[in-house]
Protein backbone atom coordinates (compact mmCIF):
# COMPACT_ATOMS: atom_id res chain seq x y z
CA MET A 1 125.80 76.48 71.66
CA PRO A 2 126.36 72.87 70.54
CA VAL A 3 126.04 70.29 73.32
CA ASP A 4 128.17 67.17 73.35
CA ASN A 5 126.35 63.83 73.30
CA ASP A 6 127.96 62.79 76.57
CA GLU A 7 126.75 65.98 78.26
CA LEU A 8 123.22 65.31 77.05
CA ILE A 9 123.34 61.74 78.29
CA ARG A 10 124.45 62.89 81.74
CA ALA A 11 121.61 65.44 81.82
CA ILE A 12 118.94 63.00 80.68
CA TRP A 13 119.83 59.91 82.71
CA ASP A 14 120.74 59.71 86.36
CA LYS A 15 122.39 56.42 85.43
CA VAL A 16 123.87 56.02 81.98
CA PRO A 17 122.16 53.20 80.02
CA GLY A 18 124.12 50.02 79.57
CA PRO A 19 126.80 49.54 76.88
CA GLY A 20 125.35 49.58 73.39
CA ALA A 21 122.08 51.14 74.55
CA THR A 22 123.30 54.72 75.03
CA SER A 23 123.34 55.80 71.39
CA GLU A 24 120.02 54.14 70.62
CA ALA A 25 118.37 55.67 73.70
CA LEU A 26 119.65 59.15 72.87
CA HIS A 27 118.41 58.85 69.29
CA HIS A 28 115.00 57.86 70.63
CA VAL A 29 114.85 60.95 72.88
CA VAL A 30 115.94 63.20 70.01
CA GLY A 31 113.31 61.69 67.71
CA VAL A 32 110.56 62.31 70.27
CA ALA A 33 111.83 65.85 70.83
CA ARG A 34 111.84 66.64 67.12
CA ARG A 35 108.27 65.45 66.74
CA ARG A 36 107.13 67.51 69.71
CA LEU A 37 108.96 70.57 68.41
CA ALA A 38 107.43 70.16 64.96
CA ASP A 39 103.96 69.89 66.51
CA ALA A 40 104.63 73.19 68.30
CA GLY A 41 105.64 74.86 65.02
CA PHE A 42 109.41 74.44 65.29
CA GLN A 43 110.45 72.34 62.33
CA GLY A 44 114.13 71.55 61.86
CA VAL A 45 115.41 73.41 64.94
CA LEU A 46 117.11 70.44 66.67
CA ASN A 47 120.20 69.66 64.61
CA ASN A 48 123.16 67.38 65.13
CA GLY A 49 126.64 66.95 63.77
CA ARG A 50 130.13 65.90 64.90
CA GLY A 51 128.83 64.26 68.06
CA THR A 52 126.82 67.28 69.24
CA TYR A 53 123.27 68.61 69.18
CA ARG A 54 122.09 72.19 68.88
CA LEU A 55 118.59 73.54 69.60
CA GLU A 56 118.03 76.68 67.54
CA ILE A 57 115.00 78.49 68.98
CA PRO A 58 114.98 82.31 69.27
CA PRO A 59 115.55 83.34 72.90
CA ALA A 60 112.42 85.52 72.74
CA GLN A 61 110.39 82.28 72.50
CA VAL A 62 112.02 80.49 75.45
CA ASP A 63 110.45 81.31 78.80
CA ILE A 64 113.62 81.27 80.89
CA HIS A 65 115.46 83.54 78.44
CA VAL A 66 112.53 85.97 78.48
CA PHE A 67 112.49 85.83 82.30
CA HIS A 68 116.21 86.65 82.43
CA ALA A 69 115.83 89.45 79.87
CA LEU A 70 112.98 91.04 81.80
CA THR A 71 114.70 90.85 85.19
CA ALA A 72 117.99 92.12 83.76
CA ARG A 73 116.27 95.13 82.22
CA ALA A 74 114.36 95.69 85.47
CA ARG A 75 117.66 95.86 87.37
CA GLU A 76 118.90 98.53 84.97
CA LEU A 77 115.73 100.59 85.38
CA SER A 78 115.85 100.16 89.15
CA ARG A 79 119.31 101.70 89.27
CA GLU A 80 117.86 104.67 87.35
CA GLY A 81 114.91 104.97 89.72
CA ASP A 82 112.49 104.18 86.87
CA ARG A 83 109.15 102.79 88.09
CA ASP A 84 108.83 100.74 84.87
CA ALA A 85 110.99 98.21 86.73
CA VAL A 86 107.83 97.20 88.63
CA ALA A 87 105.95 96.33 85.44
CA LEU A 88 108.90 94.37 84.06
CA LEU A 89 109.26 92.29 87.20
CA GLU A 90 105.52 91.66 87.32
CA GLN A 91 105.64 90.51 83.71
CA ALA A 92 108.58 88.20 84.46
CA LEU A 93 106.76 86.62 87.40
CA ARG A 94 103.67 85.98 85.28
CA LEU A 95 105.74 83.48 83.30
CA ARG A 96 105.62 81.06 86.24
CA SER A 97 103.01 78.40 86.43
CA GLY A 98 103.33 76.36 89.59
CA GLU A 99 106.49 74.43 90.36
CA PRO A 100 109.28 74.89 87.81
CA LEU A 101 109.65 71.82 85.57
CA ALA A 102 106.73 70.16 87.35
CA GLY A 103 106.49 66.42 86.84
CA LEU A 104 110.10 66.06 85.70
CA ARG A 105 112.66 64.23 87.82
CA GLY A 106 116.36 63.51 87.68
CA ASP A 107 119.55 64.89 89.24
CA TRP A 108 120.10 67.59 86.62
CA VAL A 109 116.44 68.61 86.55
CA ASP A 110 116.27 68.74 90.35
CA ARG A 111 119.35 70.97 90.53
CA TYR A 112 118.00 73.25 87.84
CA ARG A 113 114.62 73.40 89.58
CA GLN A 114 116.39 74.65 92.72
CA THR A 115 118.13 77.33 90.68
CA LEU A 116 114.87 78.44 89.05
CA THR A 117 113.11 78.55 92.42
CA ALA A 118 115.88 80.75 93.84
CA GLU A 119 115.67 83.07 90.83
CA ILE A 120 111.89 83.36 91.13
CA ARG A 121 112.11 84.19 94.83
CA ALA A 122 114.75 86.83 94.13
CA ALA A 123 112.49 88.35 91.46
CA GLU A 124 109.54 88.32 93.90
CA GLN A 125 111.57 90.17 96.50
CA SER A 126 112.75 92.72 93.92
CA PHE A 127 109.19 93.21 92.65
CA TYR A 128 107.77 93.98 96.08
CA GLU A 129 110.71 96.20 96.98
CA GLU A 130 110.27 98.21 93.78
CA ALA A 131 106.49 98.41 94.16
CA ILE A 132 106.68 99.63 97.77
CA ARG A 133 109.48 102.03 96.86
CA HIS A 134 107.27 103.62 94.20
CA GLY A 135 104.26 104.14 96.45
CA GLU A 136 102.31 100.94 95.81
CA ALA A 137 102.38 99.58 99.37
CA HIS A 138 98.58 99.48 99.69
CA ASP A 139 98.10 97.72 96.35
CA GLN A 140 100.66 95.03 97.21
CA LEU A 141 99.33 94.16 100.67
CA PRO A 142 97.06 91.30 99.48
CA GLY A 143 99.92 89.63 97.61
CA LEU A 144 102.36 90.07 100.47
CA SER A 145 99.81 88.77 102.96
CA ALA A 146 99.33 85.61 100.89
CA LEU A 147 103.09 85.18 100.44
CA HIS A 148 103.61 85.62 104.18
CA ARG A 149 101.07 82.86 104.89
CA ASP A 150 102.68 80.54 102.35
CA ARG A 151 106.23 81.16 103.64
CA PRO A 152 105.93 81.84 107.37
CA ASP A 153 109.68 81.18 107.94
CA ASP A 154 110.88 83.71 105.34
CA GLU A 155 112.37 86.76 107.07
CA ARG A 156 112.61 88.76 103.86
CA VAL A 157 108.91 88.31 103.14
CA THR A 158 108.06 89.28 106.72
CA TRP A 159 110.31 92.33 106.46
CA LEU A 160 108.61 93.49 103.24
CA TYR A 161 105.14 92.84 104.66
CA MET A 162 105.93 94.96 107.71
CA HIS A 163 107.23 97.76 105.48
CA ALA A 164 104.10 97.74 103.33
CA LEU A 165 101.80 97.76 106.37
CA TYR A 166 103.63 100.65 107.98
CA ARG A 167 103.62 102.72 104.79
CA ASP A 168 99.88 102.08 104.51
CA GLY A 169 99.38 103.57 107.97
CA GLU A 170 99.03 100.23 109.79
CA GLN A 171 101.70 100.68 112.46
CA MET A 172 100.17 98.31 115.02
CA ALA A 173 99.54 95.61 112.40
CA ALA A 174 103.18 95.83 111.28
CA LEU A 175 104.41 95.44 114.86
CA GLN A 176 102.06 92.48 115.38
CA VAL A 177 103.46 90.72 112.31
CA LYS A 178 106.95 90.88 113.84
CA GLN A 179 105.73 89.58 117.20
CA ASP A 180 103.88 86.69 115.54
CA PHE A 181 106.97 85.85 113.50
CA ASP A 182 109.14 85.81 116.64
CA ARG A 183 106.68 83.49 118.39
CA HIS A 184 106.59 81.16 115.38
CA LEU A 185 110.38 80.86 115.20
CA ARG A 186 110.73 80.21 118.91
CA GLU A 187 107.96 77.61 119.04
CA GLU A 188 108.88 75.78 115.86
CA TYR A 189 112.67 76.06 115.78
CA GLY A 190 113.85 77.48 119.10
CA MET A 191 115.55 80.47 117.50
CA ASP A 192 115.32 84.23 117.20
CA CYS A 193 114.94 86.38 114.09
CA GLY A 194 117.72 88.32 112.41
CA ASN A 195 118.89 91.86 113.03
CA ALA A 196 117.00 93.32 110.08
CA LEU A 197 113.60 92.51 111.57
CA ASP A 198 114.62 93.71 115.03
CA ASP A 199 115.86 96.98 113.58
CA LEU A 200 112.72 97.49 111.48
CA PHE A 201 110.52 96.77 114.50
CA GLN A 202 112.28 99.44 116.57
CA ARG A 203 112.09 101.99 113.77
CA ILE A 204 108.37 101.35 113.25
CA LEU A 205 107.83 101.58 117.01
CA ARG A 206 109.33 105.06 117.13
CA LYS A 207 107.74 106.11 113.78
CA ASP A 208 111.05 106.77 112.07
CA ASP A 209 110.29 109.12 109.16
CA ALA A 210 113.28 107.74 107.25
CA LEU A 211 111.30 104.51 106.73
CA LEU A 212 109.09 106.38 104.28
CA THR A 213 111.96 107.19 101.90
CA PRO A 214 112.59 105.04 98.79
CA GLU A 215 116.06 104.14 100.07
CA ALA A 216 114.61 102.42 103.14
CA VAL A 217 113.04 99.61 101.11
CA SER A 218 116.06 97.37 100.66
CA PHE A 219 116.62 94.27 102.77
CA PRO A 220 120.08 94.50 104.40
CA SER A 221 122.47 92.25 102.51
CA GLY A 222 123.75 89.26 104.48
CA ASP A 223 121.44 89.76 107.44
CA ALA A 224 119.86 86.31 107.12
CA GLY A 225 122.94 84.84 108.78
CA ALA A 226 122.64 87.09 111.81
CA ARG A 227 120.16 84.98 113.77
CA VAL A 228 120.52 83.54 117.24
CA ARG A 229 119.76 79.82 117.39
CA ARG A 230 118.53 78.26 120.58
CA PRO A 231 119.95 74.85 121.51
CA GLY A 232 118.32 71.65 120.34
CA ARG A 233 116.41 72.88 117.29
CA PRO A 234 117.34 72.96 113.61
CA ASP A 235 117.62 76.25 111.77
CA PRO A 236 114.95 76.32 109.03
CA HIS A 237 117.16 78.67 107.00
CA ASP A 238 120.20 76.35 106.95
CA GLY A 239 121.38 76.15 103.37
CA GLN A 240 118.83 78.67 102.08
CA ASP A 241 121.22 81.58 101.93
CA LYS A 242 123.61 79.70 99.71
CA ARG A 243 122.46 80.00 96.13
CA PRO A 244 122.31 76.55 94.50
CA ALA A 245 124.99 75.95 91.93
CA GLU A 246 123.45 76.50 88.52
CA PRO A 247 123.83 73.53 86.21
CA ASP A 248 126.35 73.88 83.42
CA PRO A 249 124.38 75.39 80.54
CA SER A 250 126.09 72.92 78.24
CA SER A 251 124.15 70.16 79.98
CA ALA A 252 121.08 70.72 77.84
CA ALA A 253 120.55 71.76 74.25
CA GLN A 254 119.83 75.47 74.03
CA ASP A 255 120.27 78.56 71.92
CA ASP A 256 123.62 80.29 72.47
CA SER A 257 122.28 83.84 72.42
CA SER A 258 122.79 85.63 75.72
CA PRO A 259 119.61 86.70 77.55
CA GLY A 260 121.43 89.88 78.46
CA ASP A 261 121.92 90.66 74.79
CA HIS A 262 118.16 90.57 74.30
CA ALA A 263 117.55 92.60 77.44
CA ALA A 264 119.78 95.46 76.36
CA GLY A 265 117.92 98.24 74.65
CA GLN A 266 114.51 96.54 74.82
CA ARG A 267 111.51 97.97 76.63
CA HIS A 268 108.98 95.67 78.24
CA GLU A 269 106.30 96.37 75.64
CA GLY A 270 108.05 94.07 73.18
CA LEU A 271 108.63 91.24 75.60
CA ALA A 272 105.07 90.16 76.34
CA VAL A 273 104.79 86.42 75.87
CA PRO A 274 102.09 83.80 75.36
CA ALA A 275 101.52 80.69 77.44
CA VAL A 276 104.20 78.16 78.31
CA THR A 277 104.13 74.43 77.68
CA ASN A 278 106.27 71.40 78.44
CA ILE A 279 107.05 69.70 75.16
CA PHE A 280 109.60 67.08 76.19
CA ASN A 281 107.64 65.09 78.71
CA GLU A 282 107.84 61.48 77.62
CA ARG A 283 109.35 58.96 80.02
CA VAL A 284 112.37 57.43 78.30
CA ASN A 285 113.46 55.07 81.05
CA ALA A 286 110.88 53.84 83.52
CA LYS A 287 113.23 54.11 86.49
CA HIS A 288 115.56 56.97 85.78
CA ALA A 289 114.92 59.14 82.77
CA VAL A 290 112.70 62.09 82.21
CA PHE A 291 114.01 64.97 80.11
CA GLY A 292 112.11 68.23 80.08
CA GLN A 293 112.44 71.71 78.67
CA GLN A 294 109.82 74.42 79.02
CA ILE A 295 109.44 76.56 75.94
CA ILE A 296 107.03 79.18 74.72
CA TYR A 297 105.45 78.46 71.39
CA GLY A 298 103.80 80.82 68.99
CA THR A 299 104.64 84.39 68.13
CA PRO A 300 105.23 86.86 71.00
CA ARG A 301 102.45 89.41 71.12
């Protein structure tokens, strides 16, 4: 979809350049972008007219569109009980490479980074849920163990780790994970865990056979708000359960094809993608402006 010049300016600069400098500064950014795009094999894809710009790159060559297509298709397969959802989610998560939009700063970029981080975490949770549900608990233990160490405050990760351990026959280890998590929350934040972990602990303790069914591997919706906070300590989850507002897609030049349109009817074999690069990474204003867009270049394999 075409993006208005004013929308681009607000996305690129935290503070709009002074009078008379705005148009010149925007033209400079566009010129740099066109050269970078041409170097990556995209000649003539950034076009302007009637006070707008339009970036015409096929969604299959833009990493975030591919990510959305893969996760959307995975959700469809999950509803059908198809284990191919695991492979799709794994493929989507391989598109990451460190922090989203690393090295780029600015209000719009920071908001979008928060959105991408939330989407990645949701995909991680879905991946492990699907993998455990389809009998891959043992294979996923190393990844869940590492994720649990990296995010010791994350109840959902702890919940999934306990599930995987129990399904792998490690009842005592699963119970110990819950006890260690409780101790960590009390010592660091003066609070108790949510109902989901308490319930899972009790069910593991009594060896509830229902925990071994596929339906059991689904974190209870809304449980993250059901914690008991002890006086005098902050809640580390404050604000984490509210999904960050996604920036208006008109705030940056992009193709107007819907990721969902590409997801429909496509199997994951055709969505494998090459490496990702940042192509807009030149500092335009020493204090305020960095404009970045991650794209995939080359032909999808």
